[in-house]
Amino acid sequence: MPDDLDDLISQLNNVAQPTPSRLEASGSLVGWLELVREIDGSDLLLVAGSKPVIRARGKLTPAADSLLDGDDIEAAVAPVVASATLGRYRSGEAVDVASPSPISAASG
């Protein structure tokens, strides 16, 4: 697994595609998830030290221009993840979160 994570981080750092401008400044989980849906993406990747990135049709596309830190990620996801998952994240563990239903603006 560590090699997979290292490969993913290398890919994230090499993303150089243009960012859709209407959501660049939103910096919100809901905004990023709306963009995932808009570009028919499958994953939203939030990794400290990287831009938020969407995996769509096998390509990685940045969802914003700014790099995230751990506080940014926690602020974005804390309102919508289980407390046990948030605790694992806070202890330094990488976590994977899936949502069975859409996350609305009311959730965040």
Protein backbone atom coordinates (compact mmCIF):
# COMPACT_ATOMS: atom_id res chain seq x y z
CA MET A 1 0.00 0.00 0.00
CA PRO A 2 2.74 2.58 0.73
CA ASP A 3 4.01 2.28 -2.86
CA ASP A 4 0.47 2.91 -4.14
CA LEU A 5 0.18 5.99 -1.94
CA ASP A 6 3.60 7.25 -3.09
CA ASP A 7 2.53 6.74 -6.73
CA LEU A 8 -0.71 8.63 -6.12
CA ILE A 9 1.10 11.55 -4.48
CA SER A 10 3.55 11.67 -7.41
CA GLN A 11 0.61 11.80 -9.82
CA LEU A 12 -1.08 14.53 -7.79
CA ASN A 13 2.08 16.61 -7.82
CA ASN A 14 2.35 16.28 -11.61
CA VAL A 15 -1.20 17.43 -12.40
CA ALA A 16 -0.96 20.36 -14.81
CA GLN A 17 -4.39 20.57 -16.40
CA PRO A 18 -6.38 23.82 -16.30
CA THR A 19 -8.80 24.29 -13.43
CA PRO A 20 -12.42 25.18 -14.16
CA SER A 21 -12.54 28.79 -13.00
CA ARG A 22 -16.04 28.98 -11.52
CA LEU A 23 -15.11 26.76 -8.56
CA GLU A 24 -11.50 27.81 -8.04
CA ALA A 25 -12.29 30.08 -5.14
CA SER A 26 -15.07 28.02 -3.56
CA GLY A 27 -12.75 25.84 -1.50
CA SER A 28 -15.72 23.86 -0.26
CA LEU A 29 -16.46 20.17 -0.23
CA VAL A 30 -19.85 20.78 -1.80
CA GLY A 31 -18.27 22.84 -4.60
CA TRP A 32 -15.65 20.19 -5.27
CA LEU A 33 -18.28 17.42 -5.28
CA GLU A 34 -20.45 19.40 -7.68
CA LEU A 35 -17.45 19.62 -9.99
CA VAL A 36 -16.87 15.85 -9.64
CA ARG A 37 -20.43 15.28 -10.84
CA GLU A 38 -20.15 17.94 -13.57
CA ILE A 39 -17.07 16.35 -15.17
CA ASP A 40 -18.30 12.78 -14.60
CA GLY A 41 -15.60 12.08 -12.04
CA SER A 42 -15.28 9.04 -9.85
CA ASP A 43 -13.12 10.30 -6.97
CA LEU A 44 -12.24 13.45 -5.08
CA LEU A 45 -8.72 13.22 -3.66
CA LEU A 46 -7.83 15.48 -0.73
CA VAL A 47 -4.18 15.07 0.24
CA ALA A 48 -2.30 17.50 2.46
CA GLY A 49 0.35 19.32 0.44
CA SER A 50 -1.52 18.89 -2.86
CA LYS A 51 -4.38 20.58 -4.66
CA PRO A 52 -7.81 18.97 -4.36
CA VAL A 53 -7.93 16.64 -7.35
CA ILE A 54 -10.71 14.85 -9.22
CA ARG A 55 -10.21 11.53 -10.97
CA ALA A 56 -12.36 11.55 -14.12
CA ARG A 57 -12.11 9.12 -17.00
CA GLY A 58 -8.68 7.97 -15.87
CA LYS A 59 -7.21 11.48 -15.64
CA LEU A 60 -6.47 13.67 -12.64
CA THR A 61 -7.86 17.21 -12.78
CA PRO A 62 -7.27 19.88 -10.12
CA ALA A 63 -10.41 21.24 -8.47
CA ALA A 64 -8.64 24.38 -7.20
CA ASP A 65 -5.34 26.20 -7.57
CA SER A 66 -4.31 26.31 -3.92
CA LEU A 67 -2.60 23.53 -1.99
CA LEU A 68 -4.45 21.98 0.94
CA ASP A 69 -3.08 21.42 4.41
CA GLY A 70 -4.46 19.08 7.04
CA ASP A 71 -6.56 21.85 8.61
CA ASP A 72 -8.16 22.66 5.22
CA ILE A 73 -9.09 19.01 4.69
CA GLU A 74 -10.45 18.59 8.19
CA ALA A 75 -12.56 21.75 7.91
CA ALA A 76 -14.00 20.57 4.60
CA VAL A 77 -14.93 17.04 5.63
CA ALA A 78 -15.57 17.20 9.39
CA PRO A 79 -19.24 18.18 9.03
CA VAL A 80 -20.04 15.11 6.90
CA VAL A 81 -17.91 12.23 8.19
CA ALA A 82 -18.43 9.94 11.15
CA SER A 83 -16.62 10.94 14.34
CA ALA A 84 -14.71 7.63 14.38
CA THR A 85 -13.41 8.33 10.85
CA LEU A 86 -12.43 11.85 11.85
CA GLY A 87 -10.60 10.45 14.86
CA ARG A 88 -8.62 8.06 12.64
CA TYR A 89 -7.73 10.97 10.36
CA ARG A 90 -6.61 13.09 13.31
CA SER A 91 -4.36 10.26 14.48
CA GLY A 92 -2.54 10.39 11.13
CA GLU A 93 -4.27 7.53 9.34
CA ALA A 94 -5.26 7.88 5.67
CA VAL A 95 -9.03 7.50 5.42
CA ASP A 96 -11.34 6.73 2.52
CA VAL A 97 -14.87 8.08 2.68
CA ALA A 98 -17.74 7.17 0.37
CA SER A 99 -21.16 8.76 0.40
CA PRO A 100 -24.19 6.62 -0.50
CA SER A 101 -26.22 9.76 -1.15
CA PRO A 102 -25.35 13.22 -2.46
CA ILE A 103 -23.90 15.70 0.01
CA SER A 104 -25.90 18.90 -0.17
CA ALA A 105 -25.00 22.46 0.71
CA ALA A 106 -27.17 22.00 3.82
CA SER A 107 -24.77 19.29 5.00
CA GLY A 108 -21.78 21.58 5.03
